[in-house]
């Protein structure tokens, strides 16, 4: 099991910026960071045992900004997903949830969040 926090970090110009792989249980928080210019995914999660919380983060200039695949769960709050080729991509049961307080625009294809989280 891995619990990871990435805070106030710039992750730029890699093949994949951040990737949570569900080979083992992976829970992560990405907060107040910049993830840009990555050749494939900016931030991605794959597998039912992978979950990420993205908060106050700029995801821009990537092939795909944020990815959830194979039943992974990603929740996004107060973040900008802009100027990617594809902003959001969910497939094979992956969930991309929003608190409805994100900027999602200016991507070649924005994509869509698959669920909304109600703020209490």
N, C-alpha and C. Protein backbone atom coordinates (compact mmCIF):
# COMPACT_ATOMS: atom_id res chain seq x y z
N UNK A 1 0.84 -1.17 0.00
CA UNK A 1 0.00 0.00 0.00
C UNK A 1 0.89 1.24 0.00
N UNK A 2 0.50 2.23 -0.79
CA UNK A 2 1.25 3.48 -0.84
C UNK A 2 0.30 4.65 -0.62
N UNK A 3 0.60 5.50 0.34
CA UNK A 3 -0.09 6.76 0.55
C UNK A 3 0.90 7.85 0.20
N UNK A 4 0.54 8.70 -0.77
CA UNK A 4 1.48 9.69 -1.30
C UNK A 4 0.83 11.07 -1.28
N UNK A 5 1.62 12.09 -0.90
CA UNK A 5 1.19 13.47 -1.02
C UNK A 5 2.23 14.22 -1.83
N UNK A 6 1.77 14.89 -2.88
CA UNK A 6 2.62 15.75 -3.69
C UNK A 6 2.08 17.16 -3.50
N UNK A 7 2.90 18.04 -2.92
CA UNK A 7 2.44 19.36 -2.54
C UNK A 7 3.42 20.43 -3.04
N UNK A 8 2.90 21.45 -3.70
CA UNK A 8 3.71 22.57 -4.20
C UNK A 8 4.90 22.09 -5.02
N UNK A 9 4.59 21.31 -6.05
CA UNK A 9 5.62 20.69 -6.89
C UNK A 9 5.35 20.98 -8.36
N UNK A 10 6.39 21.17 -9.15
CA UNK A 10 6.26 21.31 -10.60
C UNK A 10 6.76 20.03 -11.25
N UNK A 11 5.88 19.41 -12.04
CA UNK A 11 6.22 18.18 -12.74
C UNK A 11 6.01 18.47 -14.22
N UNK A 12 7.11 18.59 -14.96
CA UNK A 12 7.01 19.07 -16.33
C UNK A 12 7.90 18.26 -17.27
N UNK A 13 7.39 18.14 -18.53
CA UNK A 13 8.16 17.60 -19.65
C UNK A 13 8.66 16.18 -19.44
N UNK A 14 7.79 15.32 -18.95
CA UNK A 14 8.07 13.89 -18.81
C UNK A 14 7.19 13.11 -19.78
N UNK A 15 7.34 11.81 -19.81
CA UNK A 15 6.40 10.98 -20.58
C UNK A 15 5.05 11.00 -19.90
N UNK A 16 5.01 10.68 -18.60
CA UNK A 16 3.82 10.76 -17.76
C UNK A 16 4.20 11.59 -16.55
N UNK A 17 3.34 12.55 -16.19
CA UNK A 17 3.64 13.39 -15.04
C UNK A 17 3.52 12.64 -13.72
N UNK A 18 2.30 12.24 -13.37
CA UNK A 18 2.01 11.51 -12.13
C UNK A 18 1.14 10.32 -12.51
N UNK A 19 1.48 9.13 -11.99
CA UNK A 19 0.73 7.93 -12.35
C UNK A 19 0.55 7.04 -11.12
N UNK A 20 -0.69 6.81 -10.75
CA UNK A 20 -1.03 5.88 -9.67
C UNK A 20 -1.47 4.57 -10.32
N UNK A 21 -0.68 3.53 -10.15
CA UNK A 21 -0.95 2.24 -10.77
C UNK A 21 -1.52 1.30 -9.73
N UNK A 22 -2.68 0.76 -9.99
CA UNK A 22 -3.38 -0.09 -9.04
C UNK A 22 -2.80 -1.48 -8.85
N UNK A 23 -1.55 -1.69 -9.17
CA UNK A 23 -0.94 -3.00 -8.92
C UNK A 23 -0.97 -3.30 -7.42
N UNK A 24 -0.84 -2.26 -6.62
CA UNK A 24 -1.03 -2.32 -5.18
C UNK A 24 -1.95 -1.16 -4.82
N UNK A 25 -2.45 -1.11 -3.62
CA UNK A 25 -3.33 -0.01 -3.25
C UNK A 25 -2.53 1.28 -3.22
N UNK A 26 -3.00 2.25 -4.00
CA UNK A 26 -2.34 3.55 -4.08
C UNK A 26 -3.36 4.64 -3.82
N UNK A 27 -3.10 5.45 -2.80
CA UNK A 27 -3.94 6.62 -2.52
C UNK A 27 -3.04 7.84 -2.53
N UNK A 28 -3.47 8.87 -3.25
CA UNK A 28 -2.60 10.03 -3.35
C UNK A 28 -3.34 11.33 -3.36
N UNK A 29 -2.64 12.38 -2.93
CA UNK A 29 -3.14 13.75 -2.98
C UNK A 29 -2.12 14.56 -3.76
N UNK A 30 -2.62 15.32 -4.73
CA UNK A 30 -1.79 16.26 -5.48
C UNK A 30 -2.38 17.63 -5.18
N UNK A 31 -1.58 18.49 -4.54
CA UNK A 31 -2.11 19.77 -4.07
C UNK A 31 -1.17 20.92 -4.45
N UNK A 32 -1.77 22.01 -4.91
CA UNK A 32 -1.04 23.26 -5.18
C UNK A 32 0.20 23.03 -6.04
N UNK A 33 0.01 22.29 -7.13
CA UNK A 33 1.13 21.91 -7.99
C UNK A 33 0.87 22.29 -9.44
N UNK A 34 1.89 22.15 -10.28
CA UNK A 34 1.79 22.36 -11.72
C UNK A 34 2.24 21.09 -12.40
N UNK A 35 1.39 20.56 -13.29
CA UNK A 35 1.71 19.36 -14.05
C UNK A 35 1.52 19.73 -15.52
N UNK A 36 2.63 19.90 -16.26
CA UNK A 36 2.50 20.43 -17.62
C UNK A 36 3.54 19.85 -18.57
N UNK A 37 3.18 19.89 -19.86
CA UNK A 37 4.10 19.52 -20.92
C UNK A 37 4.49 18.06 -20.98
N UNK A 38 3.68 17.18 -20.40
CA UNK A 38 3.99 15.75 -20.41
C UNK A 38 3.46 15.10 -21.69
N UNK A 39 4.23 14.17 -22.25
CA UNK A 39 3.96 13.63 -23.58
C UNK A 39 2.68 12.79 -23.66
N UNK A 40 2.29 12.12 -22.59
CA UNK A 40 1.06 11.33 -22.63
C UNK A 40 0.08 11.87 -21.59
N UNK A 41 0.16 11.43 -20.36
CA UNK A 41 -0.77 11.87 -19.32
C UNK A 41 -0.11 12.92 -18.43
N UNK A 42 -0.91 13.90 -18.02
CA UNK A 42 -0.45 14.79 -16.96
C UNK A 42 -0.54 14.06 -15.62
N UNK A 43 -1.77 13.66 -15.26
CA UNK A 43 -2.03 12.90 -14.04
C UNK A 43 -2.93 11.74 -14.40
N UNK A 44 -2.56 10.53 -14.00
CA UNK A 44 -3.36 9.37 -14.33
C UNK A 44 -3.45 8.38 -13.19
N UNK A 45 -4.58 7.68 -13.14
CA UNK A 45 -4.78 6.60 -12.18
C UNK A 45 -5.37 5.42 -12.93
N UNK A 46 -4.90 4.23 -12.59
CA UNK A 46 -5.34 3.02 -13.28
C UNK A 46 -5.52 1.90 -12.27
N UNK A 47 -6.66 1.26 -12.30
CA UNK A 47 -6.92 0.11 -11.44
C UNK A 47 -7.82 0.45 -10.27
N UNK A 48 -8.61 -0.52 -9.87
CA UNK A 48 -9.61 -0.33 -8.82
C UNK A 48 -9.02 0.06 -7.48
N UNK A 49 -7.76 -0.22 -7.27
CA UNK A 49 -7.15 0.11 -5.98
C UNK A 49 -6.37 1.42 -6.02
N UNK A 50 -6.62 2.22 -7.06
CA UNK A 50 -5.97 3.52 -7.19
C UNK A 50 -6.98 4.64 -7.00
N UNK A 51 -6.64 5.60 -6.14
CA UNK A 51 -7.50 6.77 -5.97
C UNK A 51 -6.63 8.00 -5.74
N UNK A 52 -7.02 9.10 -6.39
CA UNK A 52 -6.30 10.35 -6.27
C UNK A 52 -7.25 11.49 -5.95
N UNK A 53 -6.77 12.44 -5.18
CA UNK A 53 -7.45 13.71 -4.93
C UNK A 53 -6.54 14.79 -5.49
N UNK A 54 -7.06 15.59 -6.42
CA UNK A 54 -6.29 16.68 -7.02
C UNK A 54 -6.94 17.99 -6.58
N UNK A 55 -6.14 18.86 -5.96
CA UNK A 55 -6.68 20.09 -5.40
C UNK A 55 -5.77 21.27 -5.73
N UNK A 56 -6.39 22.36 -6.22
CA UNK A 56 -5.66 23.61 -6.47
C UNK A 56 -4.42 23.38 -7.33
N UNK A 57 -4.59 22.63 -8.41
CA UNK A 57 -3.46 22.24 -9.27
C UNK A 57 -3.73 22.66 -10.71
N UNK A 58 -2.68 23.10 -11.40
CA UNK A 58 -2.76 23.46 -12.81
C UNK A 58 -2.27 22.28 -13.63
N UNK A 59 -3.14 21.78 -14.52
CA UNK A 59 -2.80 20.66 -15.40
C UNK A 59 -2.94 21.18 -16.83
N UNK A 60 -1.81 21.43 -17.49
CA UNK A 60 -1.87 22.08 -18.80
C UNK A 60 -0.77 21.59 -19.73
N UNK A 61 -1.06 21.67 -21.03
CA UNK A 61 -0.07 21.37 -22.04
C UNK A 61 0.33 19.91 -22.15
N UNK A 62 -0.51 19.01 -21.68
CA UNK A 62 -0.26 17.58 -21.76
C UNK A 62 -1.04 16.97 -22.92
N UNK A 63 -0.68 15.77 -23.34
CA UNK A 63 -1.50 15.07 -24.33
C UNK A 63 -2.91 14.86 -23.76
N UNK A 64 -2.99 14.28 -22.57
CA UNK A 64 -4.25 14.15 -21.83
C UNK A 64 -3.99 14.70 -20.43
N UNK A 65 -4.84 15.61 -19.97
CA UNK A 65 -4.64 16.24 -18.68
C UNK A 65 -4.79 15.28 -17.51
N UNK A 66 -6.00 14.72 -17.34
CA UNK A 66 -6.27 13.81 -16.21
C UNK A 66 -6.98 12.57 -16.75
N UNK A 67 -6.49 11.40 -16.32
CA UNK A 67 -6.99 10.11 -16.80
C UNK A 67 -7.41 9.24 -15.61
N UNK A 68 -8.56 8.56 -15.74
CA UNK A 68 -8.98 7.52 -14.79
C UNK A 68 -9.37 6.30 -15.61
N UNK A 69 -8.66 5.18 -15.41
CA UNK A 69 -8.90 3.96 -16.18
C UNK A 69 -9.10 2.76 -15.27
N UNK A 70 -9.80 1.78 -15.79
CA UNK A 70 -9.92 0.48 -15.13
C UNK A 70 -10.36 0.60 -13.67
N UNK A 71 -11.45 1.32 -13.45
CA UNK A 71 -12.10 1.47 -12.14
C UNK A 71 -11.34 2.34 -11.15
N UNK A 72 -10.34 3.08 -11.59
CA UNK A 72 -9.65 4.02 -10.70
C UNK A 72 -10.58 5.19 -10.39
N UNK A 73 -10.30 5.87 -9.29
CA UNK A 73 -11.11 7.00 -8.85
C UNK A 73 -10.25 8.25 -8.70
N UNK A 74 -10.67 9.34 -9.36
CA UNK A 74 -9.97 10.61 -9.25
C UNK A 74 -11.00 11.69 -8.92
N UNK A 75 -10.71 12.48 -7.87
CA UNK A 75 -11.58 13.59 -7.48
C UNK A 75 -10.78 14.88 -7.68
N UNK A 76 -11.42 15.89 -8.29
CA UNK A 76 -10.73 17.14 -8.63
C UNK A 76 -11.46 18.33 -8.01
N UNK A 77 -10.70 19.21 -7.36
CA UNK A 77 -11.27 20.39 -6.71
C UNK A 77 -10.38 21.61 -6.94
N UNK A 78 -10.99 22.74 -7.27
CA UNK A 78 -10.32 24.03 -7.42
C UNK A 78 -9.07 23.94 -8.30
N UNK A 79 -9.18 23.23 -9.41
CA UNK A 79 -8.03 23.04 -10.29
C UNK A 79 -8.34 23.55 -11.70
N UNK A 80 -7.27 23.83 -12.47
CA UNK A 80 -7.40 24.25 -13.86
C UNK A 80 -6.87 23.16 -14.76
N UNK A 81 -7.75 22.69 -15.65
CA UNK A 81 -7.38 21.69 -16.64
C UNK A 81 -7.54 22.40 -17.99
N UNK A 82 -6.44 22.96 -18.50
CA UNK A 82 -6.51 23.84 -19.67
C UNK A 82 -5.37 23.55 -20.63
N UNK A 83 -5.63 23.81 -21.92
CA UNK A 83 -4.63 23.77 -22.99
C UNK A 83 -3.96 22.41 -23.17
N UNK A 84 -4.68 21.34 -22.85
CA UNK A 84 -4.22 19.99 -23.15
C UNK A 84 -4.85 19.57 -24.48
N UNK A 85 -4.34 18.51 -25.09
CA UNK A 85 -5.02 18.00 -26.27
C UNK A 85 -6.40 17.47 -25.85
N UNK A 86 -6.44 16.63 -24.81
CA UNK A 86 -7.70 16.19 -24.20
C UNK A 86 -7.61 16.55 -22.73
N UNK A 87 -8.63 17.22 -22.21
CA UNK A 87 -8.61 17.63 -20.81
C UNK A 87 -8.81 16.47 -19.85
N UNK A 88 -9.91 15.72 -20.05
CA UNK A 88 -10.29 14.63 -19.15
C UNK A 88 -10.58 13.37 -19.96
N UNK A 89 -10.18 12.22 -19.42
CA UNK A 89 -10.48 10.96 -20.07
C UNK A 89 -10.76 9.89 -19.01
N UNK A 90 -11.96 9.34 -19.03
CA UNK A 90 -12.33 8.23 -18.14
C UNK A 90 -12.73 7.04 -19.02
N UNK A 91 -12.21 5.86 -18.68
CA UNK A 91 -12.56 4.67 -19.46
C UNK A 91 -12.54 3.44 -18.58
N UNK A 92 -13.20 2.40 -19.05
CA UNK A 92 -13.23 1.09 -18.39
C UNK A 92 -13.59 1.21 -16.90
N UNK A 93 -14.62 1.99 -16.61
CA UNK A 93 -15.12 2.12 -15.24
C UNK A 93 -14.38 3.13 -14.38
N UNK A 94 -13.42 3.85 -14.95
CA UNK A 94 -12.73 4.91 -14.20
C UNK A 94 -13.68 6.05 -13.91
N UNK A 95 -13.51 6.69 -12.76
CA UNK A 95 -14.38 7.78 -12.33
C UNK A 95 -13.58 9.06 -12.16
N UNK A 96 -14.05 10.13 -12.81
CA UNK A 96 -13.50 11.47 -12.64
C UNK A 96 -14.58 12.32 -11.98
N UNK A 97 -14.40 12.64 -10.71
CA UNK A 97 -15.41 13.40 -9.96
C UNK A 97 -14.98 14.84 -9.77
N UNK A 98 -15.95 15.74 -9.72
CA UNK A 98 -15.68 17.16 -9.53
C UNK A 98 -16.54 17.73 -8.41
N UNK A 99 -16.00 18.74 -7.75
CA UNK A 99 -16.78 19.53 -6.80
C UNK A 99 -17.45 20.70 -7.52
N UNK A 100 -17.36 20.73 -8.85
CA UNK A 100 -17.93 21.77 -9.71
C UNK A 100 -17.30 23.13 -9.46
N UNK A 101 -16.02 23.15 -9.10
CA UNK A 101 -15.33 24.40 -8.88
C UNK A 101 -13.99 24.43 -9.64
N UNK A 102 -13.95 23.74 -10.78
CA UNK A 102 -12.74 23.63 -11.58
C UNK A 102 -12.87 24.45 -12.87
N UNK A 103 -11.73 24.81 -13.46
CA UNK A 103 -11.69 25.41 -14.79
C UNK A 103 -11.35 24.29 -15.77
N UNK A 104 -12.27 24.02 -16.67
CA UNK A 104 -12.06 23.01 -17.71
C UNK A 104 -12.39 23.66 -19.04
N UNK A 105 -11.36 24.19 -19.71
CA UNK A 105 -11.59 24.84 -20.99
C UNK A 105 -10.29 25.04 -21.73
N UNK A 106 -10.39 25.41 -23.01
CA UNK A 106 -9.21 25.67 -23.81
C UNK A 106 -8.45 24.43 -24.25
N UNK A 107 -8.99 23.26 -23.95
CA UNK A 107 -8.40 22.01 -24.44
C UNK A 107 -8.90 21.76 -25.85
N UNK A 108 -8.15 21.01 -26.66
CA UNK A 108 -8.65 20.67 -27.99
C UNK A 108 -9.99 19.95 -27.84
N UNK A 109 -10.07 18.99 -26.91
CA UNK A 109 -11.32 18.34 -26.49
C UNK A 109 -11.32 18.36 -24.97
N UNK A 110 -12.32 19.00 -24.37
CA UNK A 110 -12.34 19.12 -22.91
C UNK A 110 -12.54 17.79 -22.20
N UNK A 111 -13.39 16.91 -22.73
CA UNK A 111 -13.79 15.71 -22.00
C UNK A 111 -14.79 16.11 -20.92
N UNK A 112 -15.23 15.14 -20.14
CA UNK A 112 -16.25 15.43 -19.12
C UNK A 112 -15.93 14.71 -17.82
N UNK A 113 -16.37 15.34 -16.73
CA UNK A 113 -16.35 14.65 -15.45
C UNK A 113 -17.47 13.63 -15.47
N UNK A 114 -17.28 12.50 -14.78
CA UNK A 114 -18.30 11.45 -14.78
C UNK A 114 -19.19 11.49 -13.55
N UNK A 115 -18.82 12.29 -12.54
CA UNK A 115 -19.63 12.37 -11.32
C UNK A 115 -19.39 13.71 -10.64
N UNK A 116 -20.34 14.10 -9.79
CA UNK A 116 -20.23 15.32 -9.01
C UNK A 116 -20.27 14.97 -7.54
N UNK A 117 -19.36 15.58 -6.77
CA UNK A 117 -19.32 15.40 -5.33
C UNK A 117 -20.03 16.59 -4.71
N UNK A 118 -20.94 16.35 -3.81
CA UNK A 118 -21.68 17.42 -3.14
C UNK A 118 -20.84 17.94 -1.98
N UNK A 119 -20.65 19.27 -1.94
CA UNK A 119 -19.90 19.86 -0.83
C UNK A 119 -20.81 20.00 0.38
N UNK A 120 -20.26 19.75 1.56
CA UNK A 120 -21.02 19.85 2.79
C UNK A 120 -20.62 21.07 3.55
